[in-house]
Amino acid sequence: MKILSILARLKKTEAQIKIERTHYGIKFYLPENVSEDDLLKTLAGIPAGVYKLPDNEGLALDFQSRKCSGKLVLKLFAGLIWRSGIKIIAWLSSDDDTRKLFKLSGFNTIEPAQEINLQTAPVLNENADESENNNYPGWKILYNSLRSGQRIETEGDVLLWGHLNAGAEISAGGSVIVAGKMHGIVHAGAFGREDVFIWAGTFETPQVRIANKLCYADKQSTKGWLKSVLITLEAGTPLIREDKFIKPRTEDK
């Protein structure tokens, strides 16, 4: 109902603001080709009540390619944020100077990743006591891609149903699966485990690590580049295998 109220209000304004419902609340795509005064006027015309989201939700402002000034940021706080009491959880921009301004202002410039933890039972160690076997942290599952600057860290395993873009990083105590393109850095077995693996839907990252073993890669010499690969430790050495189905032998008749 809140989204519908916002959309109905925005239809009456001159500046177009695209609204998107997200897993963390609401995302505003702010117009790039209107003046700062017109943008502020549009935002100020939205009733404060529509910003009252649940405590665990917030608003992301995506300025797209607009070059923002410090003056605009101050006016946004005075005319919108402080007045309405909204929670801005991300300040997004594709413009480098604007993104630097946001970072210098102490704002979060990365859109929150969607994730869910899935508790699964590990293989029990018969020689361990009960408390040790019940201490498995589970899978961390993310349903969107990770952008540059985003970092995921967990004691368990990670399943990313998206791309790991350059500049993004995953550090896991267990194994890591990236269903899409793996451009970023992956560290599996980050706390010393060697019985883990890394699987990439498309392998094109310069560096992966399993436990304390580092593997550098490049498209000229690395086997499996731009292919699906499985990476494990074999006798302490990272081994990259192209992920192919193994055809069973047929018995001779």
C-alpha atoms as a PDB file:
ATOM      1  CA  MET A   1       0.000   0.000   0.000  1.00  0.00           C
ATOM      2  CA  LYS A   2       2.880   2.358   0.736  1.00  0.00           C
ATOM      3  CA  ILE A   3       4.346   1.770  -2.716  1.00  0.00           C
ATOM      4  CA  LEU A   4       1.019   2.501  -4.375  1.00  0.00           C
ATOM      5  CA  SER A   5       0.704   5.721  -2.383  1.00  0.00           C
ATOM      6  CA  ILE A   6       4.155   6.853  -3.514  1.00  0.00           C
ATOM      7  CA  LEU A   7       3.473   6.027  -7.156  1.00  0.00           C
ATOM      8  CA  ALA A   8       0.133   7.817  -7.121  1.00  0.00           C
ATOM      9  CA  ARG A   9       1.753  10.903  -5.684  1.00  0.00           C
ATOM     10  CA  LEU A  10       4.656  10.870  -8.137  1.00  0.00           C
ATOM     11  CA  LYS A  11       2.352  10.688 -11.149  1.00  0.00           C
ATOM     12  CA  LYS A  12       1.289  14.253 -10.361  1.00  0.00           C
ATOM     13  CA  THR A  13       4.855  15.595 -10.418  1.00  0.00           C
ATOM     14  CA  GLU A  14       6.894  16.826 -13.362  1.00  0.00           C
ATOM     15  CA  ALA A  15      10.004  14.823 -12.533  1.00  0.00           C
ATOM     16  CA  GLN A  16       9.784  11.080 -12.991  1.00  0.00           C
ATOM     17  CA  ILE A  17      11.041   8.925 -10.133  1.00  0.00           C
ATOM     18  CA  LYS A  18      11.067   5.209 -10.707  1.00  0.00           C
ATOM     19  CA  ILE A  19      10.162   3.170  -7.634  1.00  0.00           C
ATOM     20  CA  GLU A  20      11.277  -0.402  -7.031  1.00  0.00           C
ATOM     21  CA  ARG A  21      10.275  -2.663  -4.152  1.00  0.00           C
ATOM     22  CA  THR A  22      13.345  -4.464  -2.821  1.00  0.00           C
ATOM     23  CA  HIS A  23      14.213  -7.026  -0.170  1.00  0.00           C
ATOM     24  CA  TYR A  24      15.499  -4.202   2.051  1.00  0.00           C
ATOM     25  CA  GLY A  25      12.652  -1.704   1.494  1.00  0.00           C
ATOM     26  CA  ILE A  26      12.336   0.783  -1.390  1.00  0.00           C
ATOM     27  CA  LYS A  27      14.727   1.964  -4.095  1.00  0.00           C
ATOM     28  CA  PHE A  28      14.298   5.374  -5.746  1.00  0.00           C
ATOM     29  CA  TYR A  29      15.788   5.876  -9.219  1.00  0.00           C
ATOM     30  CA  LEU A  30      16.099   9.666  -9.242  1.00  0.00           C
ATOM     31  CA  PRO A  31      15.870  11.557 -12.559  1.00  0.00           C
ATOM     32  CA  GLU A  32      19.184  12.601 -14.056  1.00  0.00           C
ATOM     33  CA  ASN A  33      18.112  15.447 -16.344  1.00  0.00           C
ATOM     34  CA  VAL A  34      16.176  17.761 -14.052  1.00  0.00           C
ATOM     35  CA  SER A  35      17.597  20.583 -11.977  1.00  0.00           C
ATOM     36  CA  GLU A  36      18.499  20.040  -8.339  1.00  0.00           C
ATOM     37  CA  ASP A  37      15.728  22.445  -7.310  1.00  0.00           C
ATOM     38  CA  ASP A  38      13.129  20.479  -9.291  1.00  0.00           C
ATOM     39  CA  LEU A  39      14.370  17.218  -7.802  1.00  0.00           C
ATOM     40  CA  LEU A  40      14.143  18.597  -4.271  1.00  0.00           C
ATOM     41  CA  LYS A  41      10.679  19.979  -4.988  1.00  0.00           C
ATOM     42  CA  THR A  42       9.508  16.574  -6.195  1.00  0.00           C
ATOM     43  CA  LEU A  43      10.852  14.745  -3.170  1.00  0.00           C
ATOM     44  CA  ALA A  44       9.492  17.373  -0.788  1.00  0.00           C
ATOM     45  CA  GLY A  45       6.025  16.893  -2.270  1.00  0.00           C
ATOM     46  CA  ILE A  46       5.815  13.280  -1.157  1.00  0.00           C
ATOM     47  CA  PRO A  47       3.858  12.997   2.126  1.00  0.00           C
ATOM     48  CA  ALA A  48       6.109  12.054   5.033  1.00  0.00           C
ATOM     49  CA  GLY A  49       3.801   9.214   6.001  1.00  0.00           C
ATOM     50  CA  VAL A  50       4.685   7.109   2.978  1.00  0.00           C
ATOM     51  CA  TYR A  51       8.262   6.844   4.227  1.00  0.00           C
ATOM     52  CA  LYS A  52       7.229   5.044   7.405  1.00  0.00           C
ATOM     53  CA  LEU A  53       8.665   1.641   6.630  1.00  0.00           C
ATOM     54  CA  PRO A  54       9.118  -1.286   9.030  1.00  0.00           C
ATOM     55  CA  ASP A  55      12.131  -1.048  11.337  1.00  0.00           C
ATOM     56  CA  ASN A  56      14.093  -3.603   9.305  1.00  0.00           C
ATOM     57  CA  GLU A  57      13.564  -1.747   6.001  1.00  0.00           C
ATOM     58  CA  GLY A  58      14.891   1.471   4.504  1.00  0.00           C
ATOM     59  CA  LEU A  59      15.305   3.561   1.388  1.00  0.00           C
ATOM     60  CA  ALA A  60      18.073   3.506  -1.238  1.00  0.00           C
ATOM     61  CA  LEU A  61      18.572   6.609  -3.369  1.00  0.00           C
ATOM     62  CA  ASP A  62      20.016   5.879  -6.810  1.00  0.00           C
ATOM     63  CA  PHE A  63      21.191   9.113  -8.449  1.00  0.00           C
ATOM     64  CA  GLN A  64      22.263   7.159 -11.558  1.00  0.00           C
ATOM     65  CA  SER A  65      24.709   9.308 -13.599  1.00  0.00           C
ATOM     66  CA  ARG A  66      23.742  12.646 -12.015  1.00  0.00           C
ATOM     67  CA  LYS A  67      26.629  14.742 -10.693  1.00  0.00           C
ATOM     68  CA  CYS A  68      25.610  15.723  -7.179  1.00  0.00           C
ATOM     69  CA  SER A  69      26.929  18.684  -5.247  1.00  0.00           C
ATOM     70  CA  GLY A  70      27.508  18.934  -1.530  1.00  0.00           C
ATOM     71  CA  LYS A  71      24.818  21.612  -1.536  1.00  0.00           C
ATOM     72  CA  LEU A  72      22.260  19.105  -2.839  1.00  0.00           C
ATOM     73  CA  VAL A  73      23.189  16.580  -0.141  1.00  0.00           C
ATOM     74  CA  LEU A  74      22.747  19.185   2.607  1.00  0.00           C
ATOM     75  CA  LYS A  75      19.377  20.227   1.194  1.00  0.00           C
ATOM     76  CA  LEU A  76      18.262  16.601   1.059  1.00  0.00           C
ATOM     77  CA  PHE A  77      19.010  16.227   4.752  1.00  0.00           C
ATOM     78  CA  ALA A  78      17.334  19.503   5.734  1.00  0.00           C
ATOM     79  CA  GLY A  79      14.316  19.239   3.451  1.00  0.00           C
ATOM     80  CA  LEU A  80      13.648  15.509   3.319  1.00  0.00           C
ATOM     81  CA  ILE A  81      15.558  13.184   5.644  1.00  0.00           C
ATOM     82  CA  TRP A  82      15.319  15.114   8.909  1.00  0.00           C
ATOM     83  CA  ARG A  83      11.766  16.255   8.161  1.00  0.00           C
ATOM     84  CA  SER A  84      10.357  12.829   7.344  1.00  0.00           C
ATOM     85  CA  GLY A  85      12.596  10.729   9.581  1.00  0.00           C
ATOM     86  CA  ILE A  86      13.343   8.248   6.801  1.00  0.00           C
ATOM     87  CA  LYS A  87      16.209   5.800   6.990  1.00  0.00           C
ATOM     88  CA  ILE A  88      18.553   6.008   3.985  1.00  0.00           C
ATOM     89  CA  ILE A  89      20.479   2.763   3.861  1.00  0.00           C
ATOM     90  CA  ALA A  90      22.321   3.338   0.565  1.00  0.00           C
ATOM     91  CA  TRP A  91      23.422   6.292  -1.586  1.00  0.00           C
ATOM     92  CA  LEU A  92      24.021   4.926  -5.068  1.00  0.00           C
ATOM     93  CA  SER A  93      25.595   6.535  -8.127  1.00  0.00           C
ATOM     94  CA  SER A  94      27.356   5.548 -11.341  1.00  0.00           C
ATOM     95  CA  ASP A  95      29.236   8.857 -11.364  1.00  0.00           C
ATOM     96  CA  ASP A  96      32.720   8.543  -9.815  1.00  0.00           C
ATOM     97  CA  ASP A  97      32.837  12.069  -8.353  1.00  0.00           C
ATOM     98  CA  THR A  98      29.402  11.716  -6.810  1.00  0.00           C
ATOM     99  CA  ARG A  99      30.277   8.350  -5.311  1.00  0.00           C
ATOM    100  CA  LYS A 100      33.462   9.853  -3.810  1.00  0.00           C
ATOM    101  CA  LEU A 101      31.389  12.664  -2.310  1.00  0.00           C
ATOM    102  CA  PHE A 102      29.044  10.125  -0.717  1.00  0.00           C
ATOM    103  CA  LYS A 103      31.946   8.098   0.684  1.00  0.00           C
ATOM    104  CA  LEU A 104      33.618  11.217   2.124  1.00  0.00           C
ATOM    105  CA  SER A 105      30.281  12.033   3.763  1.00  0.00           C
ATOM    106  CA  GLY A 106      30.319   8.630   5.469  1.00  0.00           C
ATOM    107  CA  PHE A 107      27.393   7.215   3.483  1.00  0.00           C
ATOM    108  CA  ASN A 108      26.981   3.586   2.513  1.00  0.00           C
ATOM    109  CA  THR A 109      27.448   3.448  -1.272  1.00  0.00           C
ATOM    110  CA  ILE A 110      26.688  -0.262  -1.732  1.00  0.00           C
ATOM    111  CA  GLU A 111      23.226  -1.690  -2.202  1.00  0.00           C
ATOM    112  CA  PRO A 112      22.448  -4.321   0.467  1.00  0.00           C
ATOM    113  CA  ALA A 113      22.799  -7.879  -0.773  1.00  0.00           C
ATOM    114  CA  GLN A 114      19.883 -10.230  -0.427  1.00  0.00           C
ATOM    115  CA  GLU A 115      20.772 -13.225   1.627  1.00  0.00           C
ATOM    116  CA  ILE A 116      19.314 -16.000   3.717  1.00  0.00           C
ATOM    117  CA  ASN A 117      21.022 -18.446   6.022  1.00  0.00           C
ATOM    118  CA  LEU A 118      20.176 -22.091   5.547  1.00  0.00           C
ATOM    119  CA  GLN A 119      21.110 -24.390   8.411  1.00  0.00           C
ATOM    120  CA  THR A 120      22.137 -27.796   7.166  1.00  0.00           C
ATOM    121  CA  ALA A 121      23.556 -30.732   9.006  1.00  0.00           C
ATOM    122  CA  PRO A 122      27.270 -31.384   8.514  1.00  0.00           C
ATOM    123  CA  VAL A 123      28.928 -34.763   8.409  1.00  0.00           C
ATOM    124  CA  LEU A 124      29.259 -35.662  12.057  1.00  0.00           C
ATOM    125  CA  ASN A 125      32.641 -36.336  13.546  1.00  0.00           C
ATOM    126  CA  GLU A 126      32.244 -39.454  15.639  1.00  0.00           C
ATOM    127  CA  ASN A 127      35.277 -38.547  17.728  1.00  0.00           C
ATOM    128  CA  ALA A 128      33.996 -35.042  18.582  1.00  0.00           C
ATOM    129  CA  ASP A 129      31.774 -34.181  21.502  1.00  0.00           C
ATOM    130  CA  GLU A 130      28.140 -33.138  21.004  1.00  0.00           C
ATOM    131  CA  SER A 131      28.767 -29.401  21.302  1.00  0.00           C
ATOM    132  CA  GLU A 132      31.346 -29.451  18.505  1.00  0.00           C
ATOM    133  CA  ASN A 133      29.041 -31.296  16.114  1.00  0.00           C
ATOM    134  CA  ASN A 134      26.214 -28.788  16.795  1.00  0.00           C
ATOM    135  CA  ASN A 135      28.358 -25.760  16.019  1.00  0.00           C
ATOM    136  CA  TYR A 136      28.021 -25.779  12.214  1.00  0.00           C
ATOM    137  CA  PRO A 137      27.181 -22.233  11.012  1.00  0.00           C
ATOM    138  CA  GLY A 138      25.273 -23.347   7.890  1.00  0.00           C
ATOM    139  CA  TRP A 139      25.023 -21.954   4.368  1.00  0.00           C
ATOM    140  CA  LYS A 140      24.817 -18.268   3.537  1.00  0.00           C
ATOM    141  CA  ILE A 141      22.765 -17.986   0.342  1.00  0.00           C
ATOM    142  CA  LEU A 142      22.648 -14.764  -1.693  1.00  0.00           C
ATOM    143  CA  TYR A 143      20.154 -14.271  -4.500  1.00  0.00           C
ATOM    144  CA  ASN A 144      21.757 -11.327  -6.297  1.00  0.00           C
ATOM    145  CA  SER A 145      25.166 -10.414  -7.679  1.00  0.00           C
ATOM    146  CA  LEU A 146      27.882  -8.771  -5.584  1.00  0.00           C
ATOM    147  CA  ARG A 147      29.216  -5.463  -6.859  1.00  0.00           C
ATOM    148  CA  SER A 148      32.666  -3.940  -6.489  1.00  0.00           C
ATOM    149  CA  GLY A 149      33.358  -3.063  -2.859  1.00  0.00           C
ATOM    150  CA  GLN A 150      30.961  -5.629  -1.413  1.00  0.00           C
ATOM    151  CA  ARG A 151      32.424  -8.288   0.864  1.00  0.00           C
ATOM    152  CA  ILE A 152      30.753 -11.356   2.346  1.00  0.00           C
ATOM    153  CA  GLU A 153      32.387 -13.090   5.304  1.00  0.00           C
ATOM    154  CA  THR A 154      31.051 -16.143   7.125  1.00  0.00           C
ATOM    155  CA  GLU A 155      32.279 -19.117   9.106  1.00  0.00           C
ATOM    156  CA  GLY A 156      30.164 -21.462   6.997  1.00  0.00           C
ATOM    157  CA  ASP A 157      29.606 -22.066   3.279  1.00  0.00           C
ATOM    158  CA  VAL A 158      28.463 -19.550   0.645  1.00  0.00           C
ATOM    159  CA  LEU A 159      26.155 -20.025  -2.340  1.00  0.00           C
ATOM    160  CA  LEU A 160      25.900 -16.978  -4.617  1.00  0.00           C
ATOM    161  CA  TRP A 161      23.088 -17.169  -7.198  1.00  0.00           C
ATOM    162  CA  GLY A 162      24.583 -14.375  -9.266  1.00  0.00           C
ATOM    163  CA  HIS A 163      27.868 -12.876 -10.427  1.00  0.00           C
ATOM    164  CA  LEU A 164      30.844 -12.029  -8.252  1.00  0.00           C
ATOM    165  CA  ASN A 165      31.980  -8.832  -9.937  1.00  0.00           C
ATOM    166  CA  ALA A 166      35.526  -7.496  -9.962  1.00  0.00           C
ATOM    167  CA  GLY A 167      36.329  -5.776  -6.682  1.00  0.00           C
ATOM    168  CA  ALA A 168      33.877  -7.937  -4.703  1.00  0.00           C
ATOM    169  CA  GLU A 169      35.076 -10.608  -2.285  1.00  0.00           C
ATOM    170  CA  ILE A 170      33.824 -13.736  -0.542  1.00  0.00           C
ATOM    171  CA  SER A 171      35.598 -15.150   2.508  1.00  0.00           C
ATOM    172  CA  ALA A 172      34.143 -18.394   3.870  1.00  0.00           C
ATOM    173  CA  GLY A 173      35.199 -20.870   6.490  1.00  0.00           C
ATOM    174  CA  GLY A 174      33.673 -23.570   4.294  1.00  0.00           C
ATOM    175  CA  SER A 175      33.145 -24.008   0.555  1.00  0.00           C
ATOM    176  CA  VAL A 176      32.054 -21.369  -1.986  1.00  0.00           C
ATOM    177  CA  ILE A 177      29.740 -21.770  -4.977  1.00  0.00           C
ATOM    178  CA  VAL A 178      29.309 -18.899  -7.458  1.00  0.00           C
ATOM    179  CA  ALA A 179      26.593 -19.814  -9.944  1.00  0.00           C
ATOM    180  CA  GLY A 180      27.397 -16.937 -12.309  1.00  0.00           C
ATOM    181  CA  LYS A 181      30.641 -15.290 -13.407  1.00  0.00           C
ATOM    182  CA  MET A 182      33.454 -15.274 -10.876  1.00  0.00           C
ATOM    183  CA  HIS A 183      35.417 -12.033 -11.414  1.00  0.00           C
ATOM    184  CA  GLY A 184      36.083 -11.184  -7.764  1.00  0.00           C
ATOM    185  CA  ILE A 185      38.271 -12.751  -5.096  1.00  0.00           C
ATOM    186  CA  VAL A 186      37.252 -15.971  -3.306  1.00  0.00           C
ATOM    187  CA  HIS A 187      38.771 -17.449  -0.163  1.00  0.00           C
ATOM    188  CA  ALA A 188      37.377 -20.816   0.907  1.00  0.00           C
ATOM    189  CA  GLY A 189      38.549 -22.517   4.077  1.00  0.00           C
ATOM    190  CA  ALA A 190      39.446 -19.092   5.438  1.00  0.00           C
ATOM    191  CA  PHE A 191      40.065 -20.469   8.935  1.00  0.00           C
ATOM    192  CA  GLY A 192      42.376 -23.244   7.808  1.00  0.00           C
ATOM    193  CA  ARG A 193      40.076 -25.997   6.519  1.00  0.00           C
ATOM    194  CA  GLU A 194      41.455 -27.796   3.482  1.00  0.00           C
ATOM    195  CA  ASP A 195      38.519 -30.183   2.895  1.00  0.00           C
ATOM    196  CA  VAL A 196      36.569 -27.498   1.042  1.00  0.00           C
ATOM    197  CA  PHE A 197      36.039 -26.525  -2.598  1.00  0.00           C
ATOM    198  CA  ILE A 198      35.318 -23.585  -4.879  1.00  0.00           C
ATOM    199  CA  TRP A 199      32.913 -23.966  -7.794  1.00  0.00           C
ATOM    200  CA  ALA A 200      32.446 -21.259 -10.435  1.00  0.00           C
ATOM    201  CA  GLY A 201      29.805 -21.098 -13.154  1.00  0.00           C
ATOM    202  CA  THR A 202      32.271 -19.098 -15.267  1.00  0.00           C
ATOM    203  CA  PHE A 203      35.842 -18.862 -14.025  1.00  0.00           C
ATOM    204  CA  GLU A 204      37.559 -15.546 -14.788  1.00  0.00           C
ATOM    205  CA  THR A 205      39.154 -14.310 -11.575  1.00  0.00           C
ATOM    206  CA  PRO A 206      42.843 -13.534 -11.068  1.00  0.00           C
ATOM    207  CA  GLN A 207      42.996 -15.064  -7.616  1.00  0.00           C
ATOM    208  CA  VAL A 208      41.406 -17.724  -5.424  1.00  0.00           C
ATOM    209  CA  ARG A 209      42.562 -19.130  -2.116  1.00  0.00           C
ATOM    210  CA  ILE A 210      41.819 -22.351  -0.272  1.00  0.00           C
ATOM    211  CA  ALA A 211      43.009 -22.411   3.347  1.00  0.00           C
ATOM    212  CA  ASN A 212      46.479 -20.844   3.167  1.00  0.00           C
ATOM    213  CA  LYS A 213      47.127 -21.869  -0.448  1.00  0.00           C
ATOM    214  CA  LEU A 214      46.964 -19.113  -3.056  1.00  0.00           C
ATOM    215  CA  CYS A 215      46.192 -19.718  -6.721  1.00  0.00           C
ATOM    216  CA  TYR A 216      46.835 -17.029  -9.352  1.00  0.00           C
ATOM    217  CA  ALA A 217      45.069 -17.322 -12.704  1.00  0.00           C
ATOM    218  CA  ASP A 218      44.996 -15.618 -16.087  1.00  0.00           C
ATOM    219  CA  LYS A 219      43.255 -16.242 -19.392  1.00  0.00           C
ATOM    220  CA  GLN A 220      46.473 -17.045 -21.249  1.00  0.00           C
ATOM    221  CA  SER A 221      47.639 -19.985 -19.167  1.00  0.00           C
ATOM    222  CA  THR A 222      44.944 -21.118 -16.743  1.00  0.00           C
ATOM    223  CA  LYS A 223      43.033 -24.275 -17.524  1.00  0.00           C
ATOM    224  CA  GLY A 224      39.284 -23.786 -17.345  1.00  0.00           C
ATOM    225  CA  TRP A 225      39.304 -20.019 -17.972  1.00  0.00           C
ATOM    226  CA  LEU A 226      35.795 -18.847 -19.014  1.00  0.00           C
ATOM    227  CA  LYS A 227      34.443 -22.296 -18.172  1.00  0.00           C
ATOM    228  CA  SER A 228      32.737 -23.944 -15.232  1.00  0.00           C
ATOM    229  CA  VAL A 229      35.397 -25.223 -12.858  1.00  0.00           C
ATOM    230  CA  LEU A 230      35.811 -27.044  -9.582  1.00  0.00           C
ATOM    231  CA  ILE A 231      38.820 -26.066  -7.459  1.00  0.00           C
ATOM    232  CA  THR A 232      40.091 -28.254  -4.629  1.00  0.00           C
ATOM    233  CA  LEU A 233      43.303 -28.890  -2.745  1.00  0.00           C
ATOM    234  CA  GLU A 234      45.157 -32.026  -3.769  1.00  0.00           C
ATOM    235  CA  ALA A 235      48.234 -32.853  -1.672  1.00  0.00           C
ATOM    236  CA  GLY A 236      48.341 -29.220  -0.564  1.00  0.00           C
ATOM    237  CA  THR A 237      48.205 -27.805  -4.122  1.00  0.00           C
ATOM    238  CA  PRO A 238      45.189 -26.040  -5.676  1.00  0.00           C
ATOM    239  CA  LEU A 239      43.831 -28.103  -8.572  1.00  0.00           C
ATOM    240  CA  ILE A 240      41.450 -26.633 -11.168  1.00  0.00           C
ATOM    241  CA  ARG A 241      39.178 -29.076 -12.988  1.00  0.00           C
ATOM    242  CA  GLU A 242      36.804 -28.262 -15.782  1.00  0.00           C
ATOM    243  CA  ASP A 243      33.398 -29.237 -14.503  1.00  0.00           C
ATOM    244  CA  LYS A 244      32.346 -31.994 -16.872  1.00  0.00           C
ATOM    245  CA  PHE A 245      30.015 -34.879 -16.308  1.00  0.00           C
ATOM    246  CA  ILE A 246      31.945 -38.082 -15.871  1.00  0.00           C
ATOM    247  CA  LYS A 247      30.597 -40.822 -18.098  1.00  0.00           C
ATOM    248  CA  PRO A 248      30.543 -44.204 -16.340  1.00  0.00           C
ATOM    249  CA  ARG A 249      32.327 -47.109 -17.924  1.00  0.00           C
ATOM    250  CA  THR A 250      30.220 -49.715 -19.631  1.00  0.00           C
ATOM    251  CA  GLU A 251      31.062 -53.260 -18.806  1.00  0.00           C
ATOM    252  CA  ASP A 252      32.452 -55.396 -21.613  1.00  0.00           C
ATOM    253  CA  LYS A 253      30.061 -58.032 -22.737  1.00  0.00           C
END
